[in-house]
PDB file of N, CA and C in Angstrom:
ATOM      1  N   UNK A   1     -21.857  16.362   1.702  1.00  0.00           N
ATOM      2  CA  UNK A   1     -21.325  15.256   2.592  1.00  0.00           C
ATOM      3  C   UNK A   1     -20.481  16.083   3.509  1.00  0.00           C
ATOM      4  N   UNK A   2     -20.630  15.861   4.718  1.00  0.00           N
ATOM      5  CA  UNK A   2     -19.619  16.774   6.022  1.00  0.00           C
ATOM      6  C   UNK A   2     -18.286  15.952   6.100  1.00  0.00           C
ATOM      7  N   UNK A   3     -17.441  16.770   5.729  1.00  0.00           N
ATOM      8  CA  UNK A   3     -16.037  16.171   6.139  1.00  0.00           C
ATOM      9  C   UNK A   3     -15.423  16.264   7.632  1.00  0.00           C
ATOM     10  N   UNK A   4     -15.380  15.330   8.326  1.00  0.00           N
ATOM     11  CA  UNK A   4     -15.230  15.641   9.932  1.00  0.00           C
ATOM     12  C   UNK A   4     -13.774  15.092   9.663  1.00  0.00           C
ATOM     13  N   UNK A   5     -13.161  15.642  10.880  1.00  0.00           N
ATOM     14  CA  UNK A   5     -11.587  14.557  11.309  1.00  0.00           C
ATOM     15  C   UNK A   5     -11.281  13.333  10.900  1.00  0.00           C
ATOM     16  N   UNK A   6     -12.152  12.576  11.226  1.00  0.00           N
ATOM     17  CA  UNK A   6     -12.045  11.119  10.810  1.00  0.00           C
ATOM     18  C   UNK A   6     -11.889  10.854   9.253  1.00  0.00           C
ATOM     19  N   UNK A   7     -12.778  11.688   8.360  1.00  0.00           N
ATOM     20  CA  UNK A   7     -12.584  11.178   7.090  1.00  0.00           C
ATOM     21  C   UNK A   7     -11.154  12.022   6.291  1.00  0.00           C
ATOM     22  N   UNK A   8     -10.701  12.824   7.230  1.00  0.00           N
ATOM     23  CA  UNK A   8      -9.492  13.939   7.013  1.00  0.00           C
ATOM     24  C   UNK A   8      -8.689  12.619   7.052  1.00  0.00           C
ATOM     25  N   UNK A   9      -8.150  12.083   8.323  1.00  0.00           N
ATOM     26  CA  UNK A   9      -7.135  11.473   9.163  1.00  0.00           C
ATOM     27  C   UNK A   9      -7.242   9.866   7.839  1.00  0.00           C
ATOM     28  N   UNK A  10      -8.495   9.708   7.454  1.00  0.00           N
ATOM     29  CA  UNK A  10      -8.309   8.254   6.545  1.00  0.00           C
ATOM     30  C   UNK A  10      -7.856   8.897   5.328  1.00  0.00           C
ATOM     31  N   UNK A  11      -8.144   9.742   4.920  1.00  0.00           N
ATOM     32  CA  UNK A  11      -7.647  10.639   3.638  1.00  0.00           C
ATOM     33  C   UNK A  11      -6.051  10.395   3.399  1.00  0.00           C
ATOM     34  N   UNK A  12      -5.661  10.947   4.417  1.00  0.00           N
ATOM     35  CA  UNK A  12      -4.279  11.153   4.404  1.00  0.00           C
ATOM     36  C   UNK A  12      -3.726  10.003   4.388  1.00  0.00           C
ATOM     37  N   UNK A  13      -3.916   8.921   5.618  1.00  0.00           N
ATOM     38  CA  UNK A  13      -3.109   7.640   5.511  1.00  0.00           C
ATOM     39  C   UNK A  13      -3.648   7.099   4.099  1.00  0.00           C
ATOM     40  N   UNK A  14      -4.721   7.140   3.198  1.00  0.00           N
ATOM     41  CA  UNK A  14      -4.626   6.678   1.801  1.00  0.00           C
ATOM     42  C   UNK A  14      -3.246   7.221   1.404  1.00  0.00           C
ATOM     43  N   UNK A  15      -3.337   8.910   1.204  1.00  0.00           N
ATOM     44  CA  UNK A  15      -2.011   9.456   0.592  1.00  0.00           C
ATOM     45  C   UNK A  15      -0.968   8.799   1.127  1.00  0.00           C
ATOM     46  N   UNK A  16      -0.944   8.154   2.290  1.00  0.00           N
ATOM     47  CA  UNK A  16       0.849   7.780   2.272  1.00  0.00           C
ATOM     48  C   UNK A  16       0.593   6.275   1.938  1.00  0.00           C
ATOM     49  N   UNK A  17       0.000   5.552   1.977  1.00  0.00           N
ATOM     50  CA  UNK A  17      -0.435   4.070   1.409  1.00  0.00           C
ATOM     51  C   UNK A  17      -0.054   4.442  -0.258  1.00  0.00           C
ATOM     52  N   UNK A  18      -0.609   5.379  -1.051  1.00  0.00           N
ATOM     53  CA  UNK A  18      -0.009   5.410  -2.733  1.00  0.00           C
ATOM     54  C   UNK A  18       1.210   6.081  -2.321  1.00  0.00           C
ATOM     55  N   UNK A  19       1.497   6.989  -1.603  1.00  0.00           N
ATOM     56  CA  UNK A  19       2.847   7.573  -1.845  1.00  0.00           C
ATOM     57  C   UNK A  19       3.919   5.928  -1.715  1.00  0.00           C
ATOM     58  N   UNK A  20       3.187   5.481  -0.774  1.00  0.00           N
ATOM     59  CA  UNK A  20       4.838   3.969  -0.700  1.00  0.00           C
ATOM     60  C   UNK A  20       4.794   3.173  -1.584  1.00  0.00           C
ATOM     61  N   UNK A  21       3.507   3.079  -2.217  1.00  0.00           N
ATOM     62  CA  UNK A  21       3.456   2.077  -3.756  1.00  0.00           C
ATOM     63  C   UNK A  21       4.180   2.627  -4.724  1.00  0.00           C
ATOM     64  N   UNK A  22       4.281   4.175  -4.642  1.00  0.00           N
ATOM     65  CA  UNK A  22       4.717   4.874  -5.757  1.00  0.00           C
ATOM     66  C   UNK A  22       6.135   5.118  -5.774  1.00  0.00           C
ATOM     67  N   UNK A  23       6.484   5.268  -4.308  1.00  0.00           N
ATOM     68  CA  UNK A  23       8.130   4.916  -4.313  1.00  0.00           C
ATOM     69  C   UNK A  23       8.836   3.647  -4.178  1.00  0.00           C
ATOM     70  N   UNK A  24       8.231   2.804  -3.909  1.00  0.00           N
ATOM     71  CA  UNK A  24       8.777   1.447  -4.225  1.00  0.00           C
ATOM     72  C   UNK A  24       8.542   1.157  -5.861  1.00  0.00           C
ATOM     73  N   UNK A  25       7.976   1.680  -6.670  1.00  0.00           N
ATOM     74  CA  UNK A  25       7.712   1.645  -8.110  1.00  0.00           C
ATOM     75  C   UNK A  25       9.138   2.053  -8.491  1.00  0.00           C
ATOM     76  N   UNK A  26       9.120   3.577  -8.103  1.00  0.00           N
ATOM     77  CA  UNK A  26      10.441   4.103  -8.423  1.00  0.00           C
ATOM     78  C   UNK A  26      11.755   3.447  -7.882  1.00  0.00           C
ATOM     79  N   UNK A  27      12.076   2.928  -6.555  1.00  0.00           N
ATOM     80  CA  UNK A  27      12.970   2.296  -6.562  1.00  0.00           C
ATOM     81  C   UNK A  27      13.514   0.805  -7.524  1.00  0.00           C
ATOM     82  N   UNK A  28      12.098   0.334  -7.496  1.00  0.00           N
ATOM     83  CA  UNK A  28      12.014  -1.199  -8.571  1.00  0.00           C
ATOM     84  C   UNK A  28      12.827  -0.329  -9.945  1.00  0.00           C
ATOM     85  N   UNK A  29      12.166   0.680 -10.261  1.00  0.00           N
ATOM     86  CA  UNK A  29      12.400   0.979 -11.750  1.00  0.00           C
ATOM     87  C   UNK A  29      13.831   1.366 -11.854  1.00  0.00           C
ATOM     88  N   UNK A  30      13.943   1.801 -10.850  1.00  0.00           N
ATOM     89  CA  UNK A  30      15.628   2.541 -10.660  1.00  0.00           C
ATOM     90  C   UNK A  30      16.600   1.355 -10.869  1.00  0.00           C
ATOM     91  N   UNK A  31      16.272   0.512  -9.737  1.00  0.00           N
ATOM     92  CA  UNK A  31      17.371  -1.065  -9.774  1.00  0.00           C
ATOM     93  C   UNK A  31      17.070  -1.725 -11.081  1.00  0.00           C
ATOM     94  N   UNK A  32      15.969  -1.887 -11.989  1.00  0.00           N
ATOM     95  CA  UNK A  32      16.116  -2.576 -13.095  1.00  0.00           C
ATOM     96  C   UNK A  32      16.859  -1.694 -14.295  1.00  0.00           C
ATOM     97  N   UNK A  33      17.140  -0.263 -14.216  1.00  0.00           N
ATOM     98  CA  UNK A  33      17.741   0.086 -14.997  1.00  0.00           C
ATOM     99  C   UNK A  33      19.287   0.255 -14.810  1.00  0.00           C
ATOM    100  N   UNK A  34      19.679  -0.176 -13.536  1.00  0.00           N
ATOM    101  CA  UNK A  34      21.203   0.013 -13.192  1.00  0.00           C
ATOM    102  C   UNK A  34      21.485  -1.711 -13.742  1.00  0.00           C
ATOM    103  N   UNK A  35      20.729  -2.306 -13.197  1.00  0.00           N
ATOM    104  CA  UNK A  35      20.945  -4.157 -13.825  1.00  0.00           C
ATOM    105  C   UNK A  35      21.006  -4.005 -15.437  1.00  0.00           C
ATOM    106  N   UNK A  36      20.119  -3.272 -15.888  1.00  0.00           N
ATOM    107  CA  UNK A  36      20.270  -3.537 -17.489  1.00  0.00           C
ATOM    108  C   UNK A  36      21.315  -2.664 -17.968  1.00  0.00           C
ATOM    109  N   UNK A  37      21.994  -1.445 -17.427  1.00  0.00           N
ATOM    110  CA  UNK A  37      23.180  -0.660 -17.680  1.00  0.00           C
ATOM    111  C   UNK A  37      24.568  -1.878 -17.207  1.00  0.00           C
ATOM    112  N   UNK A  38      24.437  -2.209 -15.993  1.00  0.00           N
ATOM    113  CA  UNK A  38      25.434  -3.266 -15.807  1.00  0.00           C
ATOM    114  C   UNK A  38      25.865  -4.514 -16.890  1.00  0.00           C
ATOM    115  N   UNK A  39      24.677  -5.316 -17.239  1.00  0.00           N
ATOM    116  CA  UNK A  39      24.708  -6.389 -18.350  1.00  0.00           C
ATOM    117  C   UNK A  39      25.089  -5.737 -19.590  1.00  0.00           C
ATOM    118  N   UNK A  40      24.448  -4.703 -20.025  1.00  0.00           N
ATOM    119  CA  UNK A  40      24.872  -3.924 -21.445  1.00  0.00           C
ATOM    120  C   UNK A  40      26.542  -3.565 -21.237  1.00  0.00           C
ATOM    121  N   UNK A  41      26.961  -2.915 -20.254  1.00  0.00           N
ATOM    122  CA  UNK A  41      28.808  -3.040 -20.237  1.00  0.00           C
ATOM    123  C   UNK A  41      29.498  -4.211 -20.077  1.00  0.00           C
ATOM    124  N   UNK A  42      29.056  -5.059 -19.652  1.00  0.00           N
ATOM    125  CA  UNK A  42      29.928  -6.234 -19.402  1.00  0.00           C
ATOM    126  C   UNK A  42      29.730  -7.292 -20.389  1.00  0.00           C
ATOM    127  N   UNK A  43      28.546  -7.385 -21.507  1.00  0.00           N
ATOM    128  CA  UNK A  43      28.198  -7.740 -22.376  1.00  0.00           C
ATOM    129  C   UNK A  43      27.789  -7.150 -23.698  1.00  0.00           C
ATOM    130  N   UNK A  44      28.880  -6.283 -24.314  1.00  0.00           N
ATOM    131  CA  UNK A  44      28.860  -5.280 -25.066  1.00  0.00           C
ATOM    132  C   UNK A  44      28.149  -5.744 -26.464  1.00  0.00           C
ATOM    133  N   UNK A  45      28.172  -7.103 -26.656  1.00  0.00           N
ATOM    134  CA  UNK A  45      27.901  -8.075 -27.641  1.00  0.00           C
ATOM    135  C   UNK A  45      26.516  -8.421 -27.493  1.00  0.00           C
ATOM    136  N   UNK A  46      26.148  -8.976 -26.329  1.00  0.00           N
ATOM    137  CA  UNK A  46      24.648  -9.408 -26.319  1.00  0.00           C
ATOM    138  C   UNK A  46      24.068  -8.210 -25.884  1.00  0.00           C
ATOM    139  N   UNK A  47      23.046  -8.216 -26.200  1.00  0.00           N
ATOM    140  CA  UNK A  47      21.219  -7.573 -26.098  1.00  0.00           C
ATOM    141  C   UNK A  47      20.610  -7.943 -24.706  1.00  0.00           C
ATOM    142  N   UNK A  48      20.604  -7.014 -23.821  1.00  0.00           N
ATOM    143  CA  UNK A  48      19.718  -7.205 -22.637  1.00  0.00           C
ATOM    144  C   UNK A  48      18.606  -7.312 -23.039  1.00  0.00           C
ATOM    145  N   UNK A  49      18.011  -8.828 -22.540  1.00  0.00           N
ATOM    146  CA  UNK A  49      16.609  -9.021 -22.220  1.00  0.00           C
ATOM    147  C   UNK A  49      15.833  -8.531 -21.245  1.00  0.00           C
ATOM    148  N   UNK A  50      14.854  -7.788 -21.821  1.00  0.00           N
ATOM    149  CA  UNK A  50      13.857  -7.141 -20.829  1.00  0.00           C
ATOM    150  C   UNK A  50      13.211  -8.422 -20.297  1.00  0.00           C
ATOM    151  N   UNK A  51      12.892  -8.052 -18.820  1.00  0.00           N
ATOM    152  CA  UNK A  51      11.592  -8.367 -18.367  1.00  0.00           C
ATOM    153  C   UNK A  51      10.356  -8.273 -18.791  1.00  0.00           C
ATOM    154  N   UNK A  52       9.575  -8.809 -18.081  1.00  0.00           N
ATOM    155  CA  UNK A  52       7.940  -8.744 -18.519  1.00  0.00           C
ATOM    156  C   UNK A  52       7.134  -7.547 -17.995  1.00  0.00           C
ATOM    157  N   UNK A  53       6.844  -6.738 -18.918  1.00  0.00           N
ATOM    158  CA  UNK A  53       6.725  -5.442 -18.779  1.00  0.00           C
ATOM    159  C   UNK A  53       5.247  -5.245 -17.896  1.00  0.00           C
ATOM    160  N   UNK A  54       4.650  -5.980 -17.914  1.00  0.00           N
ATOM    161  CA  UNK A  54       3.330  -6.400 -17.031  1.00  0.00           C
ATOM    162  C   UNK A  54       3.210  -6.925 -15.821  1.00  0.00           C
ATOM    163  N   UNK A  55       4.802  -7.390 -15.025  1.00  0.00           N
ATOM    164  CA  UNK A  55       4.740  -7.757 -13.869  1.00  0.00           C
ATOM    165  C   UNK A  55       4.924  -6.654 -12.945  1.00  0.00           C
ATOM    166  N   UNK A  56       4.136  -6.888 -11.878  1.00  0.00           N
ATOM    167  CA  UNK A  56       4.055  -5.686 -10.853  1.00  0.00           C
ATOM    168  C   UNK A  56       5.778  -5.157 -10.210  1.00  0.00           C
ATOM    169  N   UNK A  57       5.501  -4.127 -10.062  1.00  0.00           N
ATOM    170  CA  UNK A  57       7.123  -3.210  -9.192  1.00  0.00           C
ATOM    171  C   UNK A  57       7.099  -3.910  -7.662  1.00  0.00           C
ATOM    172  N   UNK A  58       6.004  -4.779  -7.085  1.00  0.00           N
ATOM    173  CA  UNK A  58       5.890  -4.601  -5.921  1.00  0.00           C
ATOM    174  C   UNK A  58       5.676  -6.065  -5.432  1.00  0.00           C
ATOM    175  N   UNK A  59       5.978  -6.335  -4.571  1.00  0.00           N
ATOM    176  CA  UNK A  59       5.418  -8.177  -4.134  1.00  0.00           C
ATOM    177  C   UNK A  59       4.936  -8.057  -2.490  1.00  0.00           C
ATOM    178  N   UNK A  60       4.021  -8.990  -1.950  1.00  0.00           N
ATOM    179  CA  UNK A  60       3.676  -9.044  -0.974  1.00  0.00           C
ATOM    180  C   UNK A  60       4.419  -9.422  -0.002  1.00  0.00           C
ATOM    181  N   UNK A  61       4.669  -8.768   1.093  1.00  0.00           N
ATOM    182  CA  UNK A  61       5.384  -9.461   2.081  1.00  0.00           C
ATOM    183  C   UNK A  61       4.743 -10.762   2.719  1.00  0.00           C
ATOM    184  N   UNK A  62       3.885 -10.651   3.561  1.00  0.00           N
ATOM    185  CA  UNK A  62       2.861 -11.309   4.266  1.00  0.00           C
ATOM    186  C   UNK A  62       1.160 -11.249   3.853  1.00  0.00           C
ATOM    187  N   UNK A  63       0.899 -12.589   3.635  1.00  0.00           N
ATOM    188  CA  UNK A  63      -0.608 -12.399   3.218  1.00  0.00           C
ATOM    189  C   UNK A  63      -1.461 -12.309   4.598  1.00  0.00           C
ATOM    190  N   UNK A  64      -0.705 -12.712   5.579  1.00  0.00           N
ATOM    191  CA  UNK A  64      -1.477 -12.680   7.046  1.00  0.00           C
ATOM    192  C   UNK A  64      -1.499 -11.201   7.203  1.00  0.00           C
ATOM    193  N   UNK A  65      -0.755 -10.303   6.839  1.00  0.00           N
ATOM    194  CA  UNK A  65      -1.025  -8.826   7.651  1.00  0.00           C
ATOM    195  C   UNK A  65      -1.596  -8.438   6.422  1.00  0.00           C
ATOM    196  N   UNK A  66      -2.127  -8.616   5.214  1.00  0.00           N
ATOM    197  CA  UNK A  66      -2.881  -8.349   3.983  1.00  0.00           C
ATOM    198  C   UNK A  66      -4.185  -8.799   4.679  1.00  0.00           C
ATOM    199  N   UNK A  67      -4.446 -10.075   5.091  1.00  0.00           N
ATOM    200  CA  UNK A  67      -5.692 -10.372   5.994  1.00  0.00           C
ATOM    201  C   UNK A  67      -6.077  -9.447   7.014  1.00  0.00           C
ATOM    202  N   UNK A  68      -4.913  -8.983   8.059  1.00  0.00           N
ATOM    203  CA  UNK A  68      -5.121  -8.282   9.075  1.00  0.00           C
ATOM    204  C   UNK A  68      -5.405  -6.970   8.636  1.00  0.00           C
ATOM    205  N   UNK A  69      -4.749  -6.358   7.602  1.00  0.00           N
ATOM    206  CA  UNK A  69      -5.098  -5.149   7.304  1.00  0.00           C
ATOM    207  C   UNK A  69      -6.721  -5.214   6.976  1.00  0.00           C
ATOM    208  N   UNK A  70      -7.512  -5.969   5.914  1.00  0.00           N
ATOM    209  CA  UNK A  70      -8.458  -5.784   5.349  1.00  0.00           C
ATOM    210  C   UNK A  70      -9.498  -5.911   6.381  1.00  0.00           C
ATOM    211  N   UNK A  71      -9.388  -6.821   7.489  1.00  0.00           N
ATOM    212  CA  UNK A  71     -10.214  -7.007   8.729  1.00  0.00           C
ATOM    213  C   UNK A  71     -10.393  -5.505   9.582  1.00  0.00           C
ATOM    214  N   UNK A  72      -9.341  -5.309   9.479  1.00  0.00           N
ATOM    215  CA  UNK A  72      -9.182  -3.832  10.190  1.00  0.00           C
ATOM    216  C   UNK A  72      -9.762  -2.638   9.631  1.00  0.00           C
ATOM    217  N   UNK A  73      -9.547  -2.847   8.549  1.00  0.00           N
ATOM    218  CA  UNK A  73     -10.267  -1.642   7.462  1.00  0.00           C
ATOM    219  C   UNK A  73     -12.212  -1.759   7.651  1.00  0.00           C
ATOM    220  N   UNK A  74     -12.119  -3.060   7.179  1.00  0.00           N
ATOM    221  CA  UNK A  74     -13.758  -3.164   7.311  1.00  0.00           C
ATOM    222  C   UNK A  74     -14.190  -3.406   8.678  1.00  0.00           C
ATOM    223  N   UNK A  75     -13.544  -3.418   9.926  1.00  0.00           N
ATOM    224  CA  UNK A  75     -14.261  -3.070  11.064  1.00  0.00           C
ATOM    225  C   UNK A  75     -14.323  -1.903  11.380  1.00  0.00           C
ATOM    226  N   UNK A  76     -13.323  -1.373  10.871  1.00  0.00           N
ATOM    227  CA  UNK A  76     -13.456   0.483  10.837  1.00  0.00           C
ATOM    228  C   UNK A  76     -14.597   0.819  10.268  1.00  0.00           C
ATOM    229  N   UNK A  77     -14.827   0.426   8.717  1.00  0.00           N
ATOM    230  CA  UNK A  77     -15.888   1.320   8.205  1.00  0.00           C
ATOM    231  C   UNK A  77     -16.920   0.310   8.675  1.00  0.00           C
ATOM    232  N   UNK A  78     -17.345  -0.924   9.059  1.00  0.00           N
ATOM    233  CA  UNK A  78     -18.830  -1.153   9.787  1.00  0.00           C
ATOM    234  C   UNK A  78     -18.902  -0.219  10.950  1.00  0.00           C
ATOM    235  N   UNK A  79     -17.982  -0.204  11.814  1.00  0.00           N
ATOM    236  CA  UNK A  79     -18.325   0.615  13.137  1.00  0.00           C
ATOM    237  C   UNK A  79     -18.489   2.304  12.784  1.00  0.00           C
ATOM    238  N   UNK A  80     -18.304   2.632  11.493  1.00  0.00           N
ATOM    239  CA  UNK A  80     -18.831   4.159  11.437  1.00  0.00           C
ATOM    240  C   UNK A  80     -20.453   3.876  10.517  1.00  0.00           C
ATOM    241  N   UNK A  81     -21.055   3.284  10.228  1.00  0.00           N
ATOM    242  CA  UNK A  81     -22.014   2.985   9.527  1.00  0.00           C
ATOM    243  C   UNK A  81     -22.784   2.326  10.290  1.00  0.00           C
ATOM    244  N   UNK A  82     -22.692   1.321  11.302  1.00  0.00           N
ATOM    245  CA  UNK A  82     -23.546   0.386  12.053  1.00  0.00           C
ATOM    246  C   UNK A  82     -23.817   1.080  13.522  1.00  0.00           C
ATOM    247  N   UNK A  83     -25.292   0.938  14.098  1.00  0.00           N
ATOM    248  CA  UNK A  83     -25.293   1.720  15.145  1.00  0.00           C
ATOM    249  C   UNK A  83     -25.318   0.438  16.321  1.00  0.00           C
ATOM    250  N   UNK A  84     -24.952  -0.770  15.909  1.00  0.00           N
ATOM    251  CA  UNK A  84     -25.290  -2.126  16.765  1.00  0.00           C
ATOM    252  C   UNK A  84     -23.933  -2.371  17.545  1.00  0.00           C
ATOM    253  N   UNK A  85     -22.390  -1.525  17.185  1.00  0.00           N
ATOM    254  CA  UNK A  85     -21.346  -1.578  17.724  1.00  0.00           C
ATOM    255  C   UNK A  85     -21.256  -0.797  19.232  1.00  0.00           C
ATOM    256  N   UNK A  86     -20.114  -0.970  20.149  1.00  0.00           N
ATOM    257  CA  UNK A  86     -20.430  -0.017  21.038  1.00  0.00           C
ATOM    258  C   UNK A  86     -20.137   1.541  20.637  1.00  0.00           C
ATOM    259  N   UNK A  87     -20.617   2.098  21.143  1.00  0.00           N
ATOM    260  CA  UNK A  87     -20.654   4.137  21.249  1.00  0.00           C
ATOM    261  C   UNK A  87     -19.268   4.498  21.182  1.00  0.00           C
ATOM    262  N   UNK A  88     -18.075   3.727  21.664  1.00  0.00           N
ATOM    263  CA  UNK A  88     -16.611   4.142  21.530  1.00  0.00           C
ATOM    264  C   UNK A  88     -16.080   3.681  19.862  1.00  0.00           C
ATOM    265  N   UNK A  89     -16.794   2.754  19.545  1.00  0.00           N
ATOM    266  CA  UNK A  89     -16.370   2.278  18.454  1.00  0.00           C
ATOM    267  C   UNK A  89     -16.837   3.094  17.198  1.00  0.00           C
ATOM    268  N   UNK A  90     -17.770   3.451  17.641  1.00  0.00           N
ATOM    269  CA  UNK A  90     -18.075   4.350  16.419  1.00  0.00           C
ATOM    270  C   UNK A  90     -18.058   5.633  16.470  1.00  0.00           C
ATOM    271  N   UNK A  91     -17.554   6.319  17.538  1.00  0.00           N
ATOM    272  CA  UNK A  91     -16.875   7.240  17.651  1.00  0.00           C
ATOM    273  C   UNK A  91     -15.340   7.344  17.145  1.00  0.00           C
ATOM    274  N   UNK A  92     -14.397   6.437  17.549  1.00  0.00           N
ATOM    275  CA  UNK A  92     -13.215   6.571  16.707  1.00  0.00           C
ATOM    276  C   UNK A  92     -13.141   5.628  15.556  1.00  0.00           C
ATOM    277  N   UNK A  93     -13.951   5.315  14.719  1.00  0.00           N
ATOM    278  CA  UNK A  93     -13.874   4.493  13.901  1.00  0.00           C
ATOM    279  C   UNK A  93     -12.703   4.710  12.723  1.00  0.00           C
ATOM    280  N   UNK A  94     -12.389   5.870  12.387  1.00  0.00           N
ATOM    281  CA  UNK A  94     -11.421   6.489  11.737  1.00  0.00           C
ATOM    282  C   UNK A  94      -9.796   5.746  12.305  1.00  0.00           C
ATOM    283  N   UNK A  95      -9.886   5.565  13.715  1.00  0.00           N
ATOM    284  CA  UNK A  95      -8.242   5.177  14.291  1.00  0.00           C
ATOM    285  C   UNK A  95      -8.134   3.826  13.536  1.00  0.00           C
ATOM    286  N   UNK A  96      -9.159   2.700  13.723  1.00  0.00           N
ATOM    287  CA  UNK A  96      -9.219   1.199  12.999  1.00  0.00           C
ATOM    288  C   UNK A  96      -9.081   1.453  11.673  1.00  0.00           C
ATOM    289  N   UNK A  97      -9.889   2.343  11.032  1.00  0.00           N
ATOM    290  CA  UNK A  97      -9.658   2.258   9.804  1.00  0.00           C
ATOM    291  C   UNK A  97      -7.966   2.715   9.279  1.00  0.00           C
ATOM    292  N   UNK A  98      -7.743   3.650   9.617  1.00  0.00           N
ATOM    293  CA  UNK A  98      -6.310   4.334   9.322  1.00  0.00           C
ATOM    294  C   UNK A  98      -5.156   3.592   9.882  1.00  0.00           C
ATOM    295  N   UNK A  99      -5.562   2.466  10.834  1.00  0.00           N
ATOM    296  CA  UNK A  99      -4.524   1.585  11.117  1.00  0.00           C
ATOM    297  C   UNK A  99      -4.309   0.452  10.369  1.00  0.00           C
ATOM    298  N   UNK A 100      -5.462   0.181   9.576  1.00  0.00           N
ATOM    299  CA  UNK A 100      -5.683  -1.170   8.641  1.00  0.00           C
ATOM    300  C   UNK A 100      -5.064  -0.463   7.546  1.00  0.00           C
ATOM    301  N   UNK A 101      -5.239   0.830   6.796  1.00  0.00           N
ATOM    302  CA  UNK A 101      -4.519   1.296   5.857  1.00  0.00           C
ATOM    303  C   UNK A 101      -3.036   1.550   6.041  1.00  0.00           C
ATOM    304  N   UNK A 102      -2.502   1.438   7.326  1.00  0.00           N
ATOM    305  CA  UNK A 102      -1.234   1.746   7.474  1.00  0.00           C
ATOM    306  C   UNK A 102      -0.480   0.196   7.464  1.00  0.00           C
ATOM    307  N   UNK A 103      -1.467  -0.235   8.044  1.00  0.00           N
ATOM    308  CA  UNK A 103      -0.528  -2.021   7.796  1.00  0.00           C
ATOM    309  C   UNK A 103      -0.736  -2.448   6.303  1.00  0.00           C
ATOM    310  N   UNK A 104      -1.858  -2.259   5.787  1.00  0.00           N
ATOM    311  CA  UNK A 104      -1.399  -2.542   4.358  1.00  0.00           C
ATOM    312  C   UNK A 104      -0.489  -1.940   3.686  1.00  0.00           C
ATOM    313  N   UNK A 105      -0.103  -0.800   3.975  1.00  0.00           N
ATOM    314  CA  UNK A 105       0.839   0.368   3.634  1.00  0.00           C
ATOM    315  C   UNK A 105       2.141  -0.634   3.689  1.00  0.00           C
ATOM    316  N   UNK A 106       2.639  -1.226   4.655  1.00  0.00           N
ATOM    317  CA  UNK A 106       3.902  -1.740   4.988  1.00  0.00           C
ATOM    318  C   UNK A 106       3.639  -3.259   4.434  1.00  0.00           C
ATOM    319  N   UNK A 107       2.549  -3.745   3.730  1.00  0.00           N
ATOM    320  CA  UNK A 107       2.793  -5.262   3.293  1.00  0.00           C
ATOM    321  C   UNK A 107       3.618  -5.241   2.356  1.00  0.00           C
ATOM    322  N   UNK A 108       3.976  -4.423   1.609  1.00  0.00           N
ATOM    323  CA  UNK A 108       4.351  -4.643   0.159  1.00  0.00           C
ATOM    324  C   UNK A 108       5.924  -4.342   0.117  1.00  0.00           C
ATOM    325  N   UNK A 109       6.955  -4.936  -0.268  1.00  0.00           N
ATOM    326  CA  UNK A 109       8.199  -4.539  -0.476  1.00  0.00           C
ATOM    327  C   UNK A 109       8.785  -4.716  -2.094  1.00  0.00           C
TER     328      UNK A 109
END
């Protein structure tokens, strides 16, 4: 498989996406730990009730942005694989795909 500039840029934006999710997860863990310590200090007799461990560490800000991101990523990938779209879209497919990935990265809080 030939690796060109477009694949490298999309790969880098995917790394940014996963780094953002990891950062959000770390912040949420830190916040939960502070809350646990505050409750334990305030109520030494009471035991802290843990939250559901299967609850995700992030929430979706806007489902409309998620939809926009999906449309951008799918449009970019379609422009890479099909020949029926304009030549300019085929040449710069990675810009559309990377924009979709970045929009998707910031759909979470």
